[in-house]
Amino acid sequence: MYRRNLTGIIERGQTRPFLQAMQESSRHQDERGIRARTTIWGAITGPTSGVLIASDFNSLEELEKFTEMVAKDSSFATLRREVRSKMVYDESEVSIHRLDYHSEGLISSEDATAPRKYMRTLDGDVAPGRKRDFIHSIAQSLEFQKARGIDATTSVWSAVTGATNGVSIVAEFDSLMELARFDQMAAEDADFARLRAATRESMVFLTSRVTIMRSLA
């Protein structure tokens, strides 16, 4: 699976028109057979009007069909401009990622569950030659937290654009309380802290960044 992320900032007072424009854009896309699971997230940390539009495609070919429609379908281009017009355009950025690991196993964009209410993302870079260690440590951490009742859907994405070693660990939770339980366990459980330290040791720590967002659609 491949994910196309559009990050940016919604213009002040434009959240509702932005979401309406996104609905029209998604409807147009669906009607033309472009299959994608699209989720919209609003920032809790960082810029208060920060937004992330994450579109998941089953293959690069499906993503290329989307890109071609953006370039050649004038109606779709108009709808997309309507979305962008509600954002601070100079602050927006597009990135492409490939799915490396998912807590639900191998899934398609159609099989993926609906987004949960909150998302915690750790962005960073994997140290050269440490990708296998990194994925192994993530899997161990997930088994540990699952055994202790932390309910989260977690996926790991590698950058296709930008830094070649770029990676995102994305954990979705149903409540801020569940996310707080995760943070508390990370701070107080020595065994869990040791497992998470193994993950961080496989990364270039100075480049890492944690972001918390809530589902908007």
C-alpha atoms as a PDB file:
ATOM      1  CA  MET A   1       0.000   0.000   0.000  1.00  0.00           C
ATOM      2  CA  TYR A   2       1.130   3.567  -0.668  1.00  0.00           C
ATOM      3  CA  ARG A   3       0.123   6.719   1.187  1.00  0.00           C
ATOM      4  CA  ARG A   4      -0.019  10.231  -0.236  1.00  0.00           C
ATOM      5  CA  ASN A   5       0.163  12.828   2.536  1.00  0.00           C
ATOM      6  CA  LEU A   6      -0.824  16.438   2.016  1.00  0.00           C
ATOM      7  CA  THR A   7       0.068  18.480   5.085  1.00  0.00           C
ATOM      8  CA  GLY A   8      -0.747  22.137   5.511  1.00  0.00           C
ATOM      9  CA  ILE A   9      -2.723  24.745   7.414  1.00  0.00           C
ATOM     10  CA  ILE A  10      -6.412  25.561   7.005  1.00  0.00           C
ATOM     11  CA  GLU A  11      -7.183  29.248   6.611  1.00  0.00           C
ATOM     12  CA  ARG A  12      -8.778  30.798   9.687  1.00  0.00           C
ATOM     13  CA  GLY A  13     -12.533  30.159   9.742  1.00  0.00           C
ATOM     14  CA  GLN A  14     -12.431  27.841   6.711  1.00  0.00           C
ATOM     15  CA  THR A  15     -12.589  24.400   8.362  1.00  0.00           C
ATOM     16  CA  ARG A  16     -16.200  23.635   7.387  1.00  0.00           C
ATOM     17  CA  PRO A  17     -15.816  24.843   3.749  1.00  0.00           C
ATOM     18  CA  PHE A  18     -12.546  22.895   3.571  1.00  0.00           C
ATOM     19  CA  LEU A  19     -14.238  19.656   4.667  1.00  0.00           C
ATOM     20  CA  GLN A  20     -17.131  20.252   2.239  1.00  0.00           C
ATOM     21  CA  ALA A  21     -14.662  20.795  -0.613  1.00  0.00           C
ATOM     22  CA  MET A  22     -12.866  17.583   0.367  1.00  0.00           C
ATOM     23  CA  GLN A  23     -16.163  15.653   0.270  1.00  0.00           C
ATOM     24  CA  GLU A  24     -16.862  16.880  -3.262  1.00  0.00           C
ATOM     25  CA  SER A  25     -13.338  16.009  -4.367  1.00  0.00           C
ATOM     26  CA  SER A  26     -13.571  12.499  -2.873  1.00  0.00           C
ATOM     27  CA  ARG A  27     -16.971  11.903  -4.479  1.00  0.00           C
ATOM     28  CA  HIS A  28     -15.638  12.892  -7.916  1.00  0.00           C
ATOM     29  CA  GLN A  29     -12.662  10.603  -7.446  1.00  0.00           C
ATOM     30  CA  ASP A  30     -14.814   7.640  -6.365  1.00  0.00           C
ATOM     31  CA  GLU A  31     -17.161   8.063  -9.321  1.00  0.00           C
ATOM     32  CA  ARG A  32     -14.207   7.750 -11.693  1.00  0.00           C
ATOM     33  CA  GLY A  33     -12.943   4.530 -10.176  1.00  0.00           C
ATOM     34  CA  ILE A  34      -9.939   5.873  -8.263  1.00  0.00           C
ATOM     35  CA  ARG A  35      -9.811   3.639  -5.187  1.00  0.00           C
ATOM     36  CA  ALA A  36      -8.294   5.275  -2.121  1.00  0.00           C
ATOM     37  CA  ARG A  37      -8.910   5.356   1.615  1.00  0.00           C
ATOM     38  CA  THR A  38      -8.767   9.044   2.506  1.00  0.00           C
ATOM     39  CA  THR A  39      -8.606  10.309   6.083  1.00  0.00           C
ATOM     40  CA  ILE A  40      -8.423  13.904   7.292  1.00  0.00           C
ATOM     41  CA  TRP A  41      -6.689  14.838  10.541  1.00  0.00           C
ATOM     42  CA  GLY A  42      -6.487  18.127  12.445  1.00  0.00           C
ATOM     43  CA  ALA A  43      -3.462  18.989  14.558  1.00  0.00           C
ATOM     44  CA  ILE A  44      -3.609  19.029  18.364  1.00  0.00           C
ATOM     45  CA  THR A  45       0.111  19.719  18.730  1.00  0.00           C
ATOM     46  CA  GLY A  46       1.914  22.240  16.528  1.00  0.00           C
ATOM     47  CA  PRO A  47      -0.051  24.789  14.451  1.00  0.00           C
ATOM     48  CA  THR A  48      -3.646  24.859  15.739  1.00  0.00           C
ATOM     49  CA  SER A  49      -5.049  24.860  12.188  1.00  0.00           C
ATOM     50  CA  GLY A  50      -2.640  22.219  10.905  1.00  0.00           C
ATOM     51  CA  VAL A  51      -4.201  19.511   8.757  1.00  0.00           C
ATOM     52  CA  LEU A  52      -3.145  16.202   7.209  1.00  0.00           C
ATOM     53  CA  ILE A  53      -4.956  14.574   4.274  1.00  0.00           C
ATOM     54  CA  ALA A  54      -3.797  10.945   4.028  1.00  0.00           C
ATOM     55  CA  SER A  55      -4.846   8.980   0.918  1.00  0.00           C
ATOM     56  CA  ASP A  56      -4.016   5.253   0.815  1.00  0.00           C
ATOM     57  CA  PHE A  57      -3.683   3.464  -2.539  1.00  0.00           C
ATOM     58  CA  ASN A  58      -3.229  -0.269  -3.053  1.00  0.00           C
ATOM     59  CA  SER A  59      -0.482   0.220  -5.657  1.00  0.00           C
ATOM     60  CA  LEU A  60       1.711   2.805  -7.315  1.00  0.00           C
ATOM     61  CA  GLU A  61      -0.374   2.284 -10.467  1.00  0.00           C
ATOM     62  CA  GLU A  62      -3.500   3.401  -8.596  1.00  0.00           C
ATOM     63  CA  LEU A  63      -1.643   6.414  -7.219  1.00  0.00           C
ATOM     64  CA  GLU A  64      -0.441   7.265 -10.751  1.00  0.00           C
ATOM     65  CA  LYS A  65      -4.067   7.113 -11.993  1.00  0.00           C
ATOM     66  CA  PHE A  66      -4.935   9.665  -9.332  1.00  0.00           C
ATOM     67  CA  THR A  67      -2.001  11.896 -10.333  1.00  0.00           C
ATOM     68  CA  GLU A  68      -2.992  11.640 -14.013  1.00  0.00           C
ATOM     69  CA  MET A  69      -6.576  12.605 -13.207  1.00  0.00           C
ATOM     70  CA  VAL A  70      -5.322  15.654 -11.302  1.00  0.00           C
ATOM     71  CA  ALA A  71      -3.369  16.720 -14.399  1.00  0.00           C
ATOM     72  CA  LYS A  72      -5.931  15.914 -17.125  1.00  0.00           C
ATOM     73  CA  ASP A  73      -9.434  16.066 -15.603  1.00  0.00           C
ATOM     74  CA  SER A  74     -10.370  19.752 -15.548  1.00  0.00           C
ATOM     75  CA  SER A  75     -13.403  19.158 -13.294  1.00  0.00           C
ATOM     76  CA  PHE A  76     -11.272  17.344 -10.746  1.00  0.00           C
ATOM     77  CA  ALA A  77      -8.577  20.011 -10.973  1.00  0.00           C
ATOM     78  CA  THR A  78     -11.216  22.644 -10.193  1.00  0.00           C
ATOM     79  CA  LEU A  79     -12.395  20.682  -7.155  1.00  0.00           C
ATOM     80  CA  ARG A  80      -8.809  20.251  -5.965  1.00  0.00           C
ATOM     81  CA  ARG A  81      -8.161  23.985  -6.316  1.00  0.00           C
ATOM     82  CA  GLU A  82     -11.259  24.586  -4.208  1.00  0.00           C
ATOM     83  CA  VAL A  83      -9.700  22.459  -1.442  1.00  0.00           C
ATOM     84  CA  ARG A  84      -6.369  24.259  -1.712  1.00  0.00           C
ATOM     85  CA  SER A  85      -8.091  27.666  -1.691  1.00  0.00           C
ATOM     86  CA  LYS A  86      -9.181  26.967   1.895  1.00  0.00           C
ATOM     87  CA  MET A  87      -5.558  26.324   2.929  1.00  0.00           C
ATOM     88  CA  VAL A  88      -2.464  28.485   3.377  1.00  0.00           C
ATOM     89  CA  TYR A  89      -1.017  27.313   0.059  1.00  0.00           C
ATOM     90  CA  ASP A  90       2.646  28.152   0.725  1.00  0.00           C
ATOM     91  CA  GLU A  91       2.531  25.993   3.867  1.00  0.00           C
ATOM     92  CA  SER A  92       1.299  22.822   2.126  1.00  0.00           C
ATOM     93  CA  GLU A  93       3.534  19.869   1.281  1.00  0.00           C
ATOM     94  CA  VAL A  94       2.994  16.514  -0.459  1.00  0.00           C
ATOM     95  CA  SER A  95       4.892  13.329   0.437  1.00  0.00           C
ATOM     96  CA  ILE A  96       4.581   9.692  -0.626  1.00  0.00           C
ATOM     97  CA  HIS A  97       5.145   6.717   1.699  1.00  0.00           C
ATOM     98  CA  ARG A  98       5.127   2.921   1.330  1.00  0.00           C
ATOM     99  CA  LEU A  99       3.577   0.636   3.962  1.00  0.00           C
ATOM    100  CA  ASP A 100       6.217  -1.539   5.672  1.00  0.00           C
ATOM    101  CA  TYR A 101       4.285  -2.945   8.627  1.00  0.00           C
ATOM    102  CA  HIS A 102       0.713  -2.963   9.925  1.00  0.00           C
ATOM    103  CA  SER A 103      -0.586  -4.281  13.232  1.00  0.00           C
ATOM    104  CA  GLU A 104      -3.517  -5.905  11.392  1.00  0.00           C
ATOM    105  CA  GLY A 105      -1.221  -7.772   8.993  1.00  0.00           C
ATOM    106  CA  LEU A 106      -1.323  -7.503   5.202  1.00  0.00           C
ATOM    107  CA  ILE A 107      -4.363  -5.421   4.251  1.00  0.00           C
ATOM    108  CA  SER A 108      -5.689  -3.430   1.318  1.00  0.00           C
ATOM    109  CA  SER A 109      -7.042   0.117   1.440  1.00  0.00           C
ATOM    110  CA  GLU A 110     -10.552  -1.335   1.125  1.00  0.00           C
ATOM    111  CA  ASP A 111      -9.993  -3.705   4.064  1.00  0.00           C
ATOM    112  CA  ALA A 112      -8.520  -1.060   6.361  1.00  0.00           C
ATOM    113  CA  THR A 113     -10.717  -0.098   9.274  1.00  0.00           C
ATOM    114  CA  ALA A 114     -12.270   3.323   9.600  1.00  0.00           C
ATOM    115  CA  PRO A 115      -9.921   5.857  11.183  1.00  0.00           C
ATOM    116  CA  ARG A 116      -9.878   6.039  14.938  1.00  0.00           C
ATOM    117  CA  LYS A 117     -10.350   9.352  16.702  1.00  0.00           C
ATOM    118  CA  TYR A 118      -6.760  10.281  17.552  1.00  0.00           C
ATOM    119  CA  MET A 119      -3.414   9.678  15.872  1.00  0.00           C
ATOM    120  CA  ARG A 120       0.124   9.791  17.257  1.00  0.00           C
ATOM    121  CA  THR A 121       2.856   9.998  14.628  1.00  0.00           C
ATOM    122  CA  LEU A 122       6.586   9.629  15.202  1.00  0.00           C
ATOM    123  CA  ASP A 123       8.494  10.883  12.147  1.00  0.00           C
ATOM    124  CA  GLY A 124      12.222  10.390  11.751  1.00  0.00           C
ATOM    125  CA  ASP A 125      14.968   8.600   9.854  1.00  0.00           C
ATOM    126  CA  VAL A 126      16.132   5.012  10.206  1.00  0.00           C
ATOM    127  CA  ALA A 127      19.890   4.705  10.665  1.00  0.00           C
ATOM    128  CA  PRO A 128      21.647   3.256   7.572  1.00  0.00           C
ATOM    129  CA  GLY A 129      21.651  -0.542   7.634  1.00  0.00           C
ATOM    130  CA  ARG A 130      19.232  -0.730  10.602  1.00  0.00           C
ATOM    131  CA  LYS A 131      15.873  -1.128   8.807  1.00  0.00           C
ATOM    132  CA  ARG A 132      15.423  -4.799   9.775  1.00  0.00           C
ATOM    133  CA  ASP A 133      16.330  -4.062  13.410  1.00  0.00           C
ATOM    134  CA  PHE A 134      13.903  -1.155  13.370  1.00  0.00           C
ATOM    135  CA  ILE A 135      10.934  -3.209  12.098  1.00  0.00           C
ATOM    136  CA  HIS A 136      11.748  -6.060  14.525  1.00  0.00           C
ATOM    137  CA  SER A 137      11.812  -3.695  17.488  1.00  0.00           C
ATOM    138  CA  ILE A 138       8.471  -2.155  16.442  1.00  0.00           C
ATOM    139  CA  ALA A 139       6.854  -5.607  16.246  1.00  0.00           C
ATOM    140  CA  GLN A 140       8.132  -6.499  19.740  1.00  0.00           C
ATOM    141  CA  SER A 141       6.850  -3.224  21.208  1.00  0.00           C
ATOM    142  CA  LEU A 142       3.412  -3.765  19.683  1.00  0.00           C
ATOM    143  CA  GLU A 143       3.147  -7.264  21.109  1.00  0.00           C
ATOM    144  CA  PHE A 144       4.128  -5.925  24.534  1.00  0.00           C
ATOM    145  CA  GLN A 145       1.588  -3.096  24.552  1.00  0.00           C
ATOM    146  CA  LYS A 146      -1.178  -5.342  23.175  1.00  0.00           C
ATOM    147  CA  ALA A 147      -0.570  -7.887  25.953  1.00  0.00           C
ATOM    148  CA  ARG A 148      -1.037  -5.065  28.475  1.00  0.00           C
ATOM    149  CA  GLY A 149      -4.346  -3.911  27.030  1.00  0.00           C
ATOM    150  CA  ILE A 150      -3.233  -0.858  25.047  1.00  0.00           C
ATOM    151  CA  ASP A 151      -5.667  -0.772  22.118  1.00  0.00           C
ATOM    152  CA  ALA A 152      -4.147   0.910  19.056  1.00  0.00           C
ATOM    153  CA  THR A 153      -3.914   0.413  15.299  1.00  0.00           C
ATOM    154  CA  THR A 154      -0.264   0.909  14.344  1.00  0.00           C
ATOM    155  CA  SER A 155       1.421   1.138  10.962  1.00  0.00           C
ATOM    156  CA  VAL A 156       4.948   1.891   9.785  1.00  0.00           C
ATOM    157  CA  TRP A 157       5.566   3.835   6.570  1.00  0.00           C
ATOM    158  CA  SER A 158       8.827   4.392   4.653  1.00  0.00           C
ATOM    159  CA  ALA A 159       9.376   7.549   2.645  1.00  0.00           C
ATOM    160  CA  VAL A 160       9.322   7.266  -1.153  1.00  0.00           C
ATOM    161  CA  THR A 161       9.836  10.999  -1.641  1.00  0.00           C
ATOM    162  CA  GLY A 162      12.231  13.148   0.375  1.00  0.00           C
ATOM    163  CA  ALA A 163      14.774  11.534   2.692  1.00  0.00           C
ATOM    164  CA  THR A 164      15.388   7.954   1.535  1.00  0.00           C
ATOM    165  CA  ASN A 165      15.622   6.703   5.148  1.00  0.00           C
ATOM    166  CA  GLY A 166      12.565   8.651   6.280  1.00  0.00           C
ATOM    167  CA  VAL A 167      10.003   6.719   8.298  1.00  0.00           C
ATOM    168  CA  SER A 168       6.702   7.337  10.110  1.00  0.00           C
ATOM    169  CA  ILE A 169       5.270   5.269  12.960  1.00  0.00           C
ATOM    170  CA  VAL A 170       1.523   5.955  13.037  1.00  0.00           C
ATOM    171  CA  ALA A 171      -0.606   4.835  16.014  1.00  0.00           C
ATOM    172  CA  GLU A 172      -4.358   5.450  16.078  1.00  0.00           C
ATOM    173  CA  PHE A 173      -6.370   5.457  19.331  1.00  0.00           C
ATOM    174  CA  ASP A 174     -10.090   5.676  20.115  1.00  0.00           C
ATOM    175  CA  SER A 175      -9.626   8.188  22.935  1.00  0.00           C
ATOM    176  CA  LEU A 176      -7.122  10.608  24.424  1.00  0.00           C
ATOM    177  CA  MET A 177      -7.336   8.528  27.605  1.00  0.00           C
ATOM    178  CA  GLU A 178      -6.050   5.477  25.719  1.00  0.00           C
ATOM    179  CA  LEU A 179      -3.252   7.572  24.232  1.00  0.00           C
ATOM    180  CA  ALA A 180      -2.426   8.861  27.722  1.00  0.00           C
ATOM    181  CA  ARG A 181      -2.240   5.237  28.963  1.00  0.00           C
ATOM    182  CA  PHE A 182       0.280   4.536  26.197  1.00  0.00           C
ATOM    183  CA  ASP A 183       2.387   7.557  27.200  1.00  0.00           C
ATOM    184  CA  GLN A 184       2.179   6.596  30.872  1.00  0.00           C
ATOM    185  CA  MET A 185       3.326   3.057  30.147  1.00  0.00           C
ATOM    186  CA  ALA A 186       6.185   4.423  28.036  1.00  0.00           C
ATOM    187  CA  ALA A 187       7.257   6.602  30.974  1.00  0.00           C
ATOM    188  CA  GLU A 188       6.737   4.168  33.873  1.00  0.00           C
ATOM    189  CA  ASP A 189       7.148   0.609  32.553  1.00  0.00           C
ATOM    190  CA  ALA A 190      10.867  -0.187  32.416  1.00  0.00           C
ATOM    191  CA  ASP A 191      10.417  -3.178  30.096  1.00  0.00           C
ATOM    192  CA  PHE A 192       8.351  -1.161  27.621  1.00  0.00           C
ATOM    193  CA  ALA A 193      10.841   1.693  27.832  1.00  0.00           C
ATOM    194  CA  ARG A 194      13.627  -0.756  26.978  1.00  0.00           C
ATOM    195  CA  LEU A 195      11.737  -1.999  23.900  1.00  0.00           C
ATOM    196  CA  ARG A 196      11.033   1.565  22.755  1.00  0.00           C
ATOM    197  CA  ALA A 197      14.678   2.457  23.307  1.00  0.00           C
ATOM    198  CA  ALA A 198      15.622  -0.323  20.864  1.00  0.00           C
ATOM    199  CA  THR A 199      13.387   1.322  18.257  1.00  0.00           C
ATOM    200  CA  ARG A 200      14.934   4.732  18.876  1.00  0.00           C
ATOM    201  CA  GLU A 201      18.446   3.258  18.682  1.00  0.00           C
ATOM    202  CA  SER A 202      17.667   2.204  15.097  1.00  0.00           C
ATOM    203  CA  MET A 203      16.707   5.784  14.229  1.00  0.00           C
ATOM    204  CA  VAL A 204      18.597   9.037  13.834  1.00  0.00           C
ATOM    205  CA  PHE A 205      17.196  10.430  17.068  1.00  0.00           C
ATOM    206  CA  LEU A 206      17.870  14.111  16.401  1.00  0.00           C
ATOM    207  CA  THR A 207      15.555  14.043  13.381  1.00  0.00           C
ATOM    208  CA  SER A 208      12.536  12.516  15.151  1.00  0.00           C
ATOM    209  CA  ARG A 209       9.303  14.429  15.813  1.00  0.00           C
ATOM    210  CA  VAL A 210       6.044  13.432  17.560  1.00  0.00           C
ATOM    211  CA  THR A 211       2.702  14.823  16.374  1.00  0.00           C
ATOM    212  CA  ILE A 212      -0.784  14.313  17.870  1.00  0.00           C
ATOM    213  CA  MET A 213      -3.854  14.795  15.641  1.00  0.00           C
ATOM    214  CA  ARG A 214      -7.620  14.196  15.795  1.00  0.00           C
ATOM    215  CA  SER A 215      -9.845  12.796  13.072  1.00  0.00           C
ATOM    216  CA  LEU A 216     -11.858  15.376  11.133  1.00  0.00           C
ATOM    217  CA  ALA A 217     -13.426  12.969   8.601  1.00  0.00           C
END
